[in-house]
């Protein structure tokens, strides 16, 4: 069985921000973007409390104050205690972690293994070089470590619609597969 990542062991998607330390615009990147008022309601089961913490930037050596995303479950104590690169600061609200038992070429063993499947989490990266990543977004783990990332509410709605269409198509494939297997295993006539 594969380990399911949690906020505590940093199992989220990789940070794809590629701006080098000391590049132009460093001061602008050190300004975190708090969530807009419409984002102030917590996710189901999450707290509305907005935590703040201060860390020492490993880039500039300055103290930087961060306003945490509402409902964030990350323990930011390690960020406070050691110099940290601003791009390593992120907030996370874990979602559900679905599992799919599979057997076959994806497995490392000769038996069935559980793969994370259509799991999700809400994140924000307050110092990302990409402004869209500074606001809360959803990351969907399609299957073990393969993500659909940086989904804002409109894009997430589009993905949900596309997934529903694909599920409908898979139901058609299932019905056709049942018919084909039945015909294959119980032929009425075999053509010569």
N, C-alpha and C. Protein backbone atom coordinates (compact mmCIF):
# COMPACT_ATOMS: atom_id res chain seq x y z
N UNK A 1 0.83 -1.18 0.00
CA UNK A 1 0.00 0.00 0.00
C UNK A 1 0.88 1.24 0.00
N UNK A 2 0.57 2.20 -0.85
CA UNK A 2 1.36 3.41 -0.95
C UNK A 2 0.95 4.39 0.14
N UNK A 3 1.92 5.23 0.59
CA UNK A 3 1.62 6.24 1.60
C UNK A 3 0.78 7.35 1.01
N UNK A 4 -0.21 7.80 1.75
CA UNK A 4 -1.02 8.93 1.33
C UNK A 4 -0.42 10.17 1.97
N UNK A 5 -0.04 11.19 1.17
CA UNK A 5 0.59 12.36 1.76
C UNK A 5 -0.41 13.16 2.58
N UNK A 6 0.12 13.82 3.59
CA UNK A 6 -0.69 14.71 4.41
C UNK A 6 -0.02 16.06 4.43
N UNK A 7 -0.71 17.04 4.95
CA UNK A 7 -0.12 18.37 5.06
C UNK A 7 1.15 18.30 5.91
N UNK A 8 1.17 17.40 6.90
CA UNK A 8 2.32 17.32 7.79
C UNK A 8 3.57 16.83 7.08
N UNK A 9 3.44 15.98 6.06
CA UNK A 9 4.64 15.49 5.39
C UNK A 9 4.83 16.10 4.01
N UNK A 10 4.15 17.24 3.76
CA UNK A 10 4.35 18.01 2.53
C UNK A 10 4.17 17.16 1.29
N UNK A 11 3.04 16.45 1.19
CA UNK A 11 2.80 15.58 0.05
C UNK A 11 2.12 16.27 -1.11
N UNK A 12 2.07 17.60 -1.11
CA UNK A 12 1.35 18.30 -2.17
C UNK A 12 2.13 18.37 -3.47
N UNK A 13 1.53 19.00 -4.46
CA UNK A 13 2.17 19.13 -5.75
C UNK A 13 3.47 19.92 -5.65
N UNK A 14 4.36 19.67 -6.57
CA UNK A 14 5.62 20.39 -6.57
C UNK A 14 5.40 21.86 -6.86
N UNK A 15 6.30 22.70 -6.31
CA UNK A 15 6.24 24.12 -6.58
C UNK A 15 6.97 24.37 -7.89
N UNK A 16 6.25 24.86 -8.89
CA UNK A 16 6.83 25.05 -10.21
C UNK A 16 7.31 26.47 -10.44
N UNK A 17 7.40 27.29 -9.38
CA UNK A 17 7.88 28.65 -9.53
C UNK A 17 9.36 28.59 -9.85
N UNK A 18 9.75 29.29 -10.91
CA UNK A 18 11.12 29.15 -11.39
C UNK A 18 11.94 30.42 -11.33
N UNK A 19 11.43 31.50 -10.71
CA UNK A 19 12.20 32.72 -10.65
C UNK A 19 13.38 32.53 -9.71
N UNK A 20 14.60 32.87 -10.16
CA UNK A 20 15.77 32.66 -9.31
C UNK A 20 15.84 33.69 -8.19
N UNK A 21 16.48 33.33 -7.06
CA UNK A 21 16.65 34.28 -5.98
C UNK A 21 17.43 35.49 -6.47
N UNK A 22 17.06 36.66 -5.97
CA UNK A 22 17.79 37.87 -6.33
C UNK A 22 17.41 38.44 -7.68
N UNK A 23 16.43 37.86 -8.38
CA UNK A 23 16.06 38.37 -9.69
C UNK A 23 15.28 39.66 -9.54
N UNK A 24 15.12 40.38 -10.64
CA UNK A 24 14.37 41.63 -10.62
C UNK A 24 12.96 41.36 -10.11
N UNK A 25 12.46 42.30 -9.34
CA UNK A 25 11.12 42.13 -8.80
C UNK A 25 11.09 41.34 -7.50
N UNK A 26 12.27 41.10 -6.87
CA UNK A 26 12.31 40.33 -5.63
C UNK A 26 11.43 40.97 -4.56
N UNK A 27 11.50 42.29 -4.43
CA UNK A 27 10.70 42.96 -3.40
C UNK A 27 9.21 42.75 -3.66
N UNK A 28 8.80 42.80 -4.92
CA UNK A 28 7.39 42.60 -5.25
C UNK A 28 6.97 41.19 -4.91
N UNK A 29 7.84 40.20 -5.12
CA UNK A 29 7.48 38.82 -4.83
C UNK A 29 7.40 38.57 -3.33
N UNK A 30 8.06 39.43 -2.52
CA UNK A 30 8.03 39.23 -1.08
C UNK A 30 6.77 39.80 -0.45
N UNK A 31 5.89 40.36 -1.26
CA UNK A 31 4.62 40.86 -0.74
C UNK A 31 3.59 39.75 -0.91
N UNK A 32 3.13 39.19 0.20
CA UNK A 32 2.12 38.15 0.07
C UNK A 32 0.80 38.79 -0.31
N UNK A 33 -0.06 38.03 -0.96
CA UNK A 33 -1.37 38.52 -1.37
C UNK A 33 -2.40 37.81 -0.51
N UNK A 34 -3.06 38.54 0.42
CA UNK A 34 -4.07 37.88 1.24
C UNK A 34 -5.28 37.53 0.39
N UNK A 35 -6.04 36.56 0.85
CA UNK A 35 -7.25 36.16 0.12
C UNK A 35 -8.22 37.32 0.07
N UNK A 36 -9.01 37.39 -0.99
CA UNK A 36 -10.01 38.44 -1.12
C UNK A 36 -11.14 38.19 -0.14
N UNK A 37 -11.97 39.20 0.16
CA UNK A 37 -13.06 39.00 1.13
C UNK A 37 -13.96 37.83 0.78
N UNK A 38 -14.19 37.56 -0.51
CA UNK A 38 -15.06 36.45 -0.89
C UNK A 38 -14.43 35.09 -0.55
N UNK A 39 -13.11 35.08 -0.32
CA UNK A 39 -12.42 33.84 0.02
C UNK A 39 -12.30 33.66 1.53
N UNK A 40 -12.96 34.54 2.33
CA UNK A 40 -12.74 34.51 3.77
C UNK A 40 -13.53 33.42 4.48
N UNK A 41 -14.46 32.76 3.80
CA UNK A 41 -15.18 31.68 4.44
C UNK A 41 -14.34 30.41 4.40
N UNK A 42 -14.25 29.71 5.52
CA UNK A 42 -13.42 28.52 5.56
C UNK A 42 -14.05 27.37 4.80
N UNK A 43 -13.21 26.44 4.40
CA UNK A 43 -13.69 25.20 3.79
C UNK A 43 -14.45 24.42 4.87
N UNK A 44 -15.24 23.46 4.43
CA UNK A 44 -16.02 22.66 5.38
C UNK A 44 -15.10 22.07 6.44
N UNK A 45 -15.43 22.30 7.69
CA UNK A 45 -14.65 21.76 8.79
C UNK A 45 -13.42 22.58 9.12
N UNK A 46 -13.14 23.65 8.38
CA UNK A 46 -11.96 24.46 8.62
C UNK A 46 -12.32 25.67 9.46
N UNK A 47 -11.35 26.22 10.12
CA UNK A 47 -11.56 27.39 10.97
C UNK A 47 -11.46 28.67 10.15
N UNK A 48 -12.23 29.70 10.54
CA UNK A 48 -12.17 30.99 9.86
C UNK A 48 -11.03 31.84 10.41
N UNK A 49 -10.34 31.38 11.43
CA UNK A 49 -9.27 32.14 12.05
C UNK A 49 -8.12 32.34 11.07
N UNK A 50 -7.73 33.59 10.91
CA UNK A 50 -6.59 33.92 10.03
C UNK A 50 -5.36 34.06 10.92
N UNK A 51 -4.48 33.09 10.85
CA UNK A 51 -3.25 33.15 11.63
C UNK A 51 -2.25 34.04 10.92
N UNK A 52 -1.35 34.63 11.67
CA UNK A 52 -0.23 35.35 11.09
C UNK A 52 1.04 34.79 11.72
N UNK A 53 2.11 34.85 10.97
CA UNK A 53 3.41 34.47 11.51
C UNK A 53 4.47 35.25 10.77
N UNK A 54 5.63 35.35 11.39
CA UNK A 54 6.76 36.07 10.80
C UNK A 54 7.90 35.09 10.61
N UNK A 55 8.54 35.16 9.46
CA UNK A 55 9.71 34.32 9.20
C UNK A 55 10.84 35.20 8.68
N UNK A 56 12.05 34.68 8.75
CA UNK A 56 13.21 35.38 8.22
C UNK A 56 13.46 34.88 6.81
N UNK A 57 13.43 35.80 5.85
CA UNK A 57 13.66 35.43 4.45
C UNK A 57 15.10 34.98 4.26
N UNK A 58 15.28 33.79 3.71
CA UNK A 58 16.62 33.28 3.40
C UNK A 58 17.23 34.04 2.23
N UNK A 59 16.42 34.81 1.51
CA UNK A 59 16.90 35.58 0.35
C UNK A 59 17.42 36.94 0.78
N UNK A 60 16.61 37.66 1.59
CA UNK A 60 16.97 39.04 1.96
C UNK A 60 17.44 39.19 3.39
N UNK A 61 17.16 38.20 4.25
CA UNK A 61 17.50 38.30 5.66
C UNK A 61 16.51 39.13 6.46
N UNK A 62 15.49 39.66 5.80
CA UNK A 62 14.49 40.49 6.46
C UNK A 62 13.40 39.62 7.08
N UNK A 63 12.76 40.16 8.13
CA UNK A 63 11.60 39.50 8.70
C UNK A 63 10.40 39.83 7.84
N UNK A 64 9.60 38.82 7.50
CA UNK A 64 8.43 38.98 6.64
C UNK A 64 7.24 38.40 7.37
N UNK A 65 6.14 39.16 7.42
CA UNK A 65 4.91 38.70 8.07
C UNK A 65 3.98 38.11 7.02
N UNK A 66 3.40 36.98 7.35
CA UNK A 66 2.49 36.26 6.45
C UNK A 66 1.11 36.18 7.11
N UNK A 67 0.07 36.44 6.33
CA UNK A 67 -1.30 36.19 6.78
C UNK A 67 -1.70 34.85 6.16
N UNK A 68 -1.95 33.89 7.03
CA UNK A 68 -2.25 32.53 6.59
C UNK A 68 -3.64 32.45 5.95
N UNK A 69 -3.80 31.53 5.00
CA UNK A 69 -5.09 31.29 4.37
C UNK A 69 -6.09 30.80 5.43
N UNK A 70 -7.34 31.25 5.40
CA UNK A 70 -8.33 30.76 6.37
C UNK A 70 -8.44 29.23 6.28
N UNK A 71 -8.38 28.58 7.43
CA UNK A 71 -8.52 27.13 7.46
C UNK A 71 -7.23 26.36 7.24
N UNK A 72 -6.10 27.05 7.05
CA UNK A 72 -4.82 26.37 6.81
C UNK A 72 -4.48 25.46 7.98
N UNK A 73 -4.01 24.25 7.66
CA UNK A 73 -3.66 23.27 8.70
C UNK A 73 -2.15 23.07 8.83
N UNK A 74 -1.36 23.83 8.08
CA UNK A 74 0.09 23.69 8.14
C UNK A 74 0.62 24.23 9.46
N UNK A 75 1.55 23.52 10.08
CA UNK A 75 2.26 24.01 11.25
C UNK A 75 3.41 24.87 10.74
N UNK A 76 3.29 26.17 10.84
CA UNK A 76 4.31 27.08 10.31
C UNK A 76 5.45 27.34 11.30
N UNK A 77 5.47 26.62 12.42
CA UNK A 77 6.53 26.81 13.41
C UNK A 77 7.93 26.62 12.82
N UNK A 78 8.17 25.58 11.99
CA UNK A 78 9.51 25.45 11.39
C UNK A 78 9.88 26.65 10.51
N UNK A 79 8.89 27.26 9.84
CA UNK A 79 9.16 28.44 9.02
C UNK A 79 9.60 29.61 9.89
N UNK A 80 9.03 29.72 11.09
CA UNK A 80 9.38 30.81 12.00
C UNK A 80 10.78 30.65 12.57
N UNK A 81 11.20 29.42 12.77
CA UNK A 81 12.42 29.15 13.53
C UNK A 81 13.70 29.13 12.71
N UNK A 82 13.60 29.02 11.41
CA UNK A 82 14.81 28.97 10.58
C UNK A 82 14.62 29.89 9.38
N UNK A 83 15.70 30.45 8.84
CA UNK A 83 15.55 31.23 7.61
C UNK A 83 14.92 30.36 6.52
N UNK A 84 13.93 30.90 5.85
CA UNK A 84 13.15 30.15 4.87
C UNK A 84 13.08 30.91 3.57
N UNK A 85 13.18 30.20 2.46
CA UNK A 85 12.98 30.84 1.16
C UNK A 85 11.49 31.15 1.02
N UNK A 86 11.12 32.37 0.63
CA UNK A 86 9.69 32.71 0.53
C UNK A 86 8.89 31.75 -0.34
N UNK A 87 9.49 31.20 -1.38
CA UNK A 87 8.74 30.27 -2.24
C UNK A 87 8.41 28.96 -1.55
N UNK A 88 9.07 28.68 -0.42
CA UNK A 88 8.77 27.46 0.32
C UNK A 88 7.60 27.62 1.28
N UNK A 89 7.09 28.83 1.42
CA UNK A 89 5.94 29.08 2.28
C UNK A 89 4.67 28.76 1.50
N UNK A 90 3.82 27.90 2.05
CA UNK A 90 2.53 27.63 1.44
C UNK A 90 1.52 27.30 2.52
N UNK A 91 0.25 27.45 2.18
CA UNK A 91 -0.84 27.10 3.08
C UNK A 91 -1.61 25.93 2.44
N UNK A 92 -2.23 25.12 3.29
CA UNK A 92 -2.89 23.92 2.79
C UNK A 92 -4.11 23.59 3.64
N UNK A 93 -5.18 23.20 2.96
CA UNK A 93 -6.35 22.60 3.61
C UNK A 93 -6.52 21.24 2.95
N UNK A 94 -6.26 20.16 3.67
CA UNK A 94 -6.38 18.85 3.04
C UNK A 94 -7.83 18.53 2.72
N UNK A 95 -8.03 17.89 1.59
CA UNK A 95 -9.36 17.43 1.20
C UNK A 95 -9.45 15.94 1.40
N UNK A 96 -10.31 15.32 0.65
CA UNK A 96 -10.44 13.87 0.77
C UNK A 96 -9.38 13.20 -0.07
N UNK A 97 -8.92 12.06 0.41
CA UNK A 97 -7.92 11.27 -0.29
C UNK A 97 -8.57 9.97 -0.72
N UNK A 98 -9.01 9.91 -1.98
CA UNK A 98 -9.63 8.70 -2.49
C UNK A 98 -8.58 7.66 -2.83
N UNK A 99 -8.97 6.41 -2.79
CA UNK A 99 -8.07 5.31 -3.16
C UNK A 99 -8.72 4.44 -4.23
N UNK A 100 -7.88 3.90 -5.08
CA UNK A 100 -8.33 3.01 -6.14
C UNK A 100 -7.44 1.77 -6.11
N UNK A 101 -7.99 0.61 -5.75
CA UNK A 101 -7.16 -0.61 -5.76
C UNK A 101 -6.95 -1.08 -7.19
N UNK A 102 -5.68 -1.19 -7.59
CA UNK A 102 -5.35 -1.61 -8.95
C UNK A 102 -4.41 -2.80 -8.93
N UNK A 103 -4.44 -3.55 -10.00
CA UNK A 103 -3.54 -4.67 -10.20
C UNK A 103 -3.06 -4.59 -11.64
N UNK A 104 -1.79 -4.73 -11.85
CA UNK A 104 -1.30 -4.69 -13.22
C UNK A 104 0.02 -3.95 -13.32
N UNK A 105 0.32 -3.39 -14.51
CA UNK A 105 1.64 -2.82 -14.77
C UNK A 105 1.96 -1.59 -13.92
N UNK A 106 0.97 -0.91 -13.33
CA UNK A 106 1.25 0.23 -12.47
C UNK A 106 1.78 -0.19 -11.10
N UNK A 107 1.58 -1.45 -10.75
CA UNK A 107 1.93 -1.94 -9.41
C UNK A 107 3.39 -2.36 -9.34
N UNK A 108 3.99 -2.12 -8.17
CA UNK A 108 5.37 -2.52 -7.92
C UNK A 108 5.47 -3.96 -7.45
N UNK A 109 4.36 -4.52 -7.00
CA UNK A 109 4.36 -5.89 -6.49
C UNK A 109 3.46 -6.74 -7.38
N UNK A 110 3.41 -7.98 -7.09
CA UNK A 110 2.57 -8.88 -7.87
C UNK A 110 1.14 -8.93 -7.37
N UNK A 111 0.79 -8.06 -6.43
CA UNK A 111 -0.57 -8.07 -5.91
C UNK A 111 -1.20 -6.68 -6.06
N UNK A 112 -2.46 -6.58 -5.73
CA UNK A 112 -3.20 -5.33 -5.84
C UNK A 112 -2.59 -4.27 -4.92
N UNK A 113 -2.54 -3.02 -5.41
CA UNK A 113 -2.04 -1.90 -4.61
C UNK A 113 -3.07 -0.78 -4.64
N UNK A 114 -3.12 -0.03 -3.55
CA UNK A 114 -4.01 1.12 -3.49
C UNK A 114 -3.28 2.36 -4.02
N UNK A 115 -3.88 3.03 -4.99
CA UNK A 115 -3.34 4.26 -5.55
C UNK A 115 -4.24 5.41 -5.13
N UNK A 116 -3.62 6.56 -4.82
CA UNK A 116 -4.42 7.75 -4.57
C UNK A 116 -5.11 8.11 -5.87
N UNK A 117 -6.40 8.46 -5.81
CA UNK A 117 -7.20 8.66 -7.01
C UNK A 117 -8.21 9.78 -6.78
N UNK A 118 -8.14 10.80 -7.60
CA UNK A 118 -9.03 11.96 -7.53
C UNK A 118 -9.09 12.55 -6.13
N UNK A 119 -7.92 12.63 -5.49
CA UNK A 119 -7.81 13.31 -4.21
C UNK A 119 -7.69 14.81 -4.49
N UNK A 120 -7.96 15.64 -3.49
CA UNK A 120 -7.85 17.08 -3.70
C UNK A 120 -7.41 17.77 -2.42
N UNK A 121 -6.88 18.98 -2.60
CA UNK A 121 -6.52 19.83 -1.48
C UNK A 121 -6.61 21.28 -1.95
N UNK A 122 -6.82 22.19 -0.99
CA UNK A 122 -6.83 23.61 -1.29
C UNK A 122 -5.51 24.19 -0.80
N UNK A 123 -4.85 24.97 -1.65
CA UNK A 123 -3.55 25.54 -1.31
C UNK A 123 -3.50 27.01 -1.67
N UNK A 124 -2.52 27.68 -1.13
CA UNK A 124 -2.12 29.00 -1.62
C UNK A 124 -0.62 29.11 -1.38
N UNK A 125 0.04 29.83 -2.24
CA UNK A 125 1.49 30.06 -2.16
C UNK A 125 1.69 31.57 -2.17
N UNK A 126 1.69 32.20 -0.97
CA UNK A 126 1.63 33.65 -0.88
C UNK A 126 2.78 34.41 -1.54
N UNK A 127 3.91 33.76 -1.81
CA UNK A 127 5.04 34.45 -2.42
C UNK A 127 5.38 33.92 -3.80
N UNK A 128 4.46 33.23 -4.42
CA UNK A 128 4.69 32.68 -5.75
C UNK A 128 4.91 33.80 -6.76
N UNK A 129 5.72 33.53 -7.75
CA UNK A 129 5.92 34.46 -8.85
C UNK A 129 4.70 34.54 -9.75
N UNK A 130 3.78 33.60 -9.62
CA UNK A 130 2.54 33.59 -10.40
C UNK A 130 1.41 34.13 -9.52
N UNK A 131 0.86 35.30 -9.84
CA UNK A 131 -0.18 35.88 -8.98
C UNK A 131 -1.36 34.95 -8.72
N UNK A 132 -1.76 34.13 -9.68
CA UNK A 132 -2.91 33.23 -9.49
C UNK A 132 -2.66 32.21 -8.38
N UNK A 133 -1.40 31.86 -8.12
CA UNK A 133 -1.08 30.88 -7.08
C UNK A 133 -1.11 31.50 -5.70
N UNK A 134 -1.13 32.83 -5.63
CA UNK A 134 -1.16 33.50 -4.32
C UNK A 134 -2.55 33.42 -3.69
N UNK A 135 -3.59 33.30 -4.52
CA UNK A 135 -4.95 33.13 -4.03
C UNK A 135 -5.22 31.64 -3.83
N UNK A 136 -6.12 31.26 -2.94
CA UNK A 136 -6.43 29.84 -2.76
C UNK A 136 -6.86 29.18 -4.08
N UNK A 137 -6.34 27.97 -4.31
CA UNK A 137 -6.68 27.19 -5.50
C UNK A 137 -6.78 25.73 -5.12
N UNK A 138 -7.38 24.93 -5.99
CA UNK A 138 -7.49 23.49 -5.75
C UNK A 138 -6.47 22.75 -6.61
N UNK A 139 -5.87 21.73 -6.02
CA UNK A 139 -5.01 20.80 -6.76
C UNK A 139 -5.69 19.43 -6.66
N UNK A 140 -5.95 18.83 -7.81
CA UNK A 140 -6.55 17.50 -7.86
C UNK A 140 -5.46 16.50 -8.23
N UNK A 141 -5.31 15.47 -7.42
CA UNK A 141 -4.36 14.41 -7.74
C UNK A 141 -5.14 13.36 -8.53
N UNK A 142 -4.95 13.38 -9.86
CA UNK A 142 -5.69 12.46 -10.72
C UNK A 142 -5.39 11.02 -10.32
N UNK A 143 -4.11 10.68 -10.23
CA UNK A 143 -3.67 9.38 -9.71
C UNK A 143 -2.22 9.55 -9.26
N UNK A 144 -1.83 8.86 -8.23
CA UNK A 144 -0.52 8.96 -7.59
C UNK A 144 0.45 9.95 -8.23
N UNK A 145 0.61 11.11 -7.61
CA UNK A 145 1.60 12.13 -7.99
C UNK A 145 1.41 12.72 -9.38
N UNK A 146 0.25 12.60 -9.97
CA UNK A 146 -0.08 13.25 -11.25
C UNK A 146 -1.24 14.20 -10.98
N UNK A 147 -0.94 15.49 -11.06
CA UNK A 147 -1.86 16.52 -10.60
C UNK A 147 -2.46 17.36 -11.73
N UNK A 148 -3.66 17.87 -11.47
CA UNK A 148 -4.27 18.96 -12.22
C UNK A 148 -4.24 20.11 -11.22
N UNK A 149 -3.37 21.09 -11.46
CA UNK A 149 -3.08 22.08 -10.44
C UNK A 149 -3.64 23.46 -10.76
N UNK A 150 -3.63 24.29 -9.73
CA UNK A 150 -3.89 25.73 -9.83
C UNK A 150 -5.28 26.03 -10.37
N UNK A 151 -6.28 25.31 -9.90
CA UNK A 151 -7.65 25.47 -10.37
C UNK A 151 -8.38 26.52 -9.55
N UNK A 152 -8.78 27.61 -10.22
CA UNK A 152 -9.62 28.60 -9.56
C UNK A 152 -11.06 28.08 -9.60
N UNK A 153 -12.01 28.78 -8.96
CA UNK A 153 -13.38 28.23 -8.91
C UNK A 153 -13.99 27.97 -10.29
N UNK A 154 -13.81 28.86 -11.25
CA UNK A 154 -14.39 28.65 -12.58
C UNK A 154 -13.76 27.47 -13.30
N UNK A 155 -12.45 27.35 -13.21
CA UNK A 155 -11.75 26.25 -13.87
C UNK A 155 -12.10 24.92 -13.20
N UNK A 156 -12.21 24.92 -11.88
CA UNK A 156 -12.62 23.70 -11.17
C UNK A 156 -14.01 23.26 -11.63
N UNK A 157 -14.92 24.21 -11.80
CA UNK A 157 -16.27 23.88 -12.28
C UNK A 157 -16.20 23.25 -13.67
N UNK A 158 -15.32 23.78 -14.54
CA UNK A 158 -15.15 23.22 -15.87
C UNK A 158 -14.61 21.78 -15.79
N UNK A 159 -13.62 21.56 -14.92
CA UNK A 159 -13.04 20.22 -14.76
C UNK A 159 -14.11 19.25 -14.26
N UNK A 160 -14.94 19.68 -13.31
CA UNK A 160 -16.01 18.83 -12.79
C UNK A 160 -16.95 18.43 -13.93
N UNK A 161 -17.32 19.40 -14.78
CA UNK A 161 -18.20 19.10 -15.92
C UNK A 161 -17.56 18.11 -16.88
N UNK A 162 -16.27 18.30 -17.16
CA UNK A 162 -15.58 17.37 -18.07
C UNK A 162 -15.47 15.99 -17.45
N UNK A 163 -15.20 15.93 -16.15
CA UNK A 163 -15.13 14.63 -15.49
C UNK A 163 -16.48 13.92 -15.54
N UNK A 164 -17.57 14.68 -15.37
CA UNK A 164 -18.90 14.07 -15.43
C UNK A 164 -19.15 13.49 -16.82
N UNK A 165 -18.75 14.21 -17.88
CA UNK A 165 -18.91 13.69 -19.24
C UNK A 165 -18.07 12.43 -19.43
N UNK A 166 -16.86 12.43 -18.89
CA UNK A 166 -16.00 11.25 -19.02
C UNK A 166 -16.60 10.07 -18.25
N UNK A 167 -17.19 10.33 -17.08
CA UNK A 167 -17.84 9.25 -16.31
C UNK A 167 -18.99 8.67 -17.12
N UNK A 168 -19.79 9.54 -17.76
CA UNK A 168 -20.88 9.06 -18.61
C UNK A 168 -20.34 8.19 -19.74
N UNK A 169 -19.23 8.63 -20.35
CA UNK A 169 -18.61 7.86 -21.42
C UNK A 169 -18.08 6.52 -20.90
N UNK A 170 -17.50 6.53 -19.70
CA UNK A 170 -17.00 5.28 -19.12
C UNK A 170 -18.15 4.32 -18.80
N UNK A 171 -19.31 4.85 -18.44
CA UNK A 171 -20.48 3.99 -18.21
C UNK A 171 -20.88 3.31 -19.52
N UNK A 172 -20.81 4.05 -20.65
CA UNK A 172 -21.08 3.46 -21.97
C UNK A 172 -20.04 2.38 -22.28
N UNK A 173 -18.77 2.67 -21.97
CA UNK A 173 -17.71 1.68 -22.21
C UNK A 173 -17.96 0.43 -21.38
N UNK A 174 -18.41 0.61 -20.14
CA UNK A 174 -18.68 -0.54 -19.28
C UNK A 174 -19.80 -1.41 -19.86
N UNK A 175 -20.88 -0.77 -20.29
CA UNK A 175 -22.01 -1.52 -20.88
C UNK A 175 -21.56 -2.26 -22.14
N UNK A 176 -20.76 -1.59 -22.97
CA UNK A 176 -20.28 -2.23 -24.20
C UNK A 176 -19.33 -3.38 -23.87
N UNK A 177 -18.46 -3.19 -22.87
CA UNK A 177 -17.52 -4.23 -22.46
C UNK A 177 -18.26 -5.47 -21.96
N UNK A 178 -19.31 -5.27 -21.17
CA UNK A 178 -20.10 -6.40 -20.68
C UNK A 178 -20.69 -7.18 -21.85
N UNK A 179 -21.24 -6.48 -22.85
CA UNK A 179 -21.82 -7.15 -24.03
C UNK A 179 -20.75 -7.89 -24.82
N UNK A 180 -19.62 -7.23 -25.05
CA UNK A 180 -18.54 -7.85 -25.84
C UNK A 180 -18.00 -9.08 -25.13
N UNK A 181 -17.79 -9.02 -23.83
CA UNK A 181 -17.26 -10.18 -23.09
C UNK A 181 -18.27 -11.32 -23.09
N UNK A 182 -19.54 -10.99 -22.94
CA UNK A 182 -20.57 -12.03 -22.97
C UNK A 182 -20.58 -12.72 -24.32
N UNK A 183 -20.52 -11.93 -25.39
CA UNK A 183 -20.50 -12.50 -26.74
C UNK A 183 -19.22 -13.31 -26.96
N UNK A 184 -18.12 -12.85 -26.45
CA UNK A 184 -16.84 -13.54 -26.64
C UNK A 184 -16.82 -14.87 -25.90
N UNK A 185 -17.36 -14.89 -24.69
CA UNK A 185 -17.32 -16.11 -23.87
C UNK A 185 -18.45 -17.07 -24.20
N UNK A 186 -19.54 -16.61 -24.84
CA UNK A 186 -20.69 -17.46 -25.14
C UNK A 186 -21.10 -17.27 -26.60
N UNK A 187 -20.26 -17.66 -27.53
CA UNK A 187 -20.63 -17.42 -28.94
C UNK A 187 -21.79 -18.31 -29.36
N UNK A 188 -22.76 -17.70 -30.07
CA UNK A 188 -23.86 -18.49 -30.60
C UNK A 188 -23.40 -19.25 -31.83
N UNK A 189 -22.65 -18.58 -32.67
CA UNK A 189 -22.11 -19.23 -33.88
C UNK A 189 -20.67 -18.78 -34.04
N UNK A 190 -19.85 -19.69 -34.43
CA UNK A 190 -18.47 -19.35 -34.73
C UNK A 190 -18.30 -19.34 -36.22
N UNK A 191 -17.91 -18.21 -36.77
CA UNK A 191 -17.73 -18.12 -38.23
C UNK A 191 -16.47 -18.87 -38.62
N UNK A 192 -16.57 -19.55 -39.73
CA UNK A 192 -15.43 -20.34 -40.19
C UNK A 192 -14.53 -19.53 -41.08
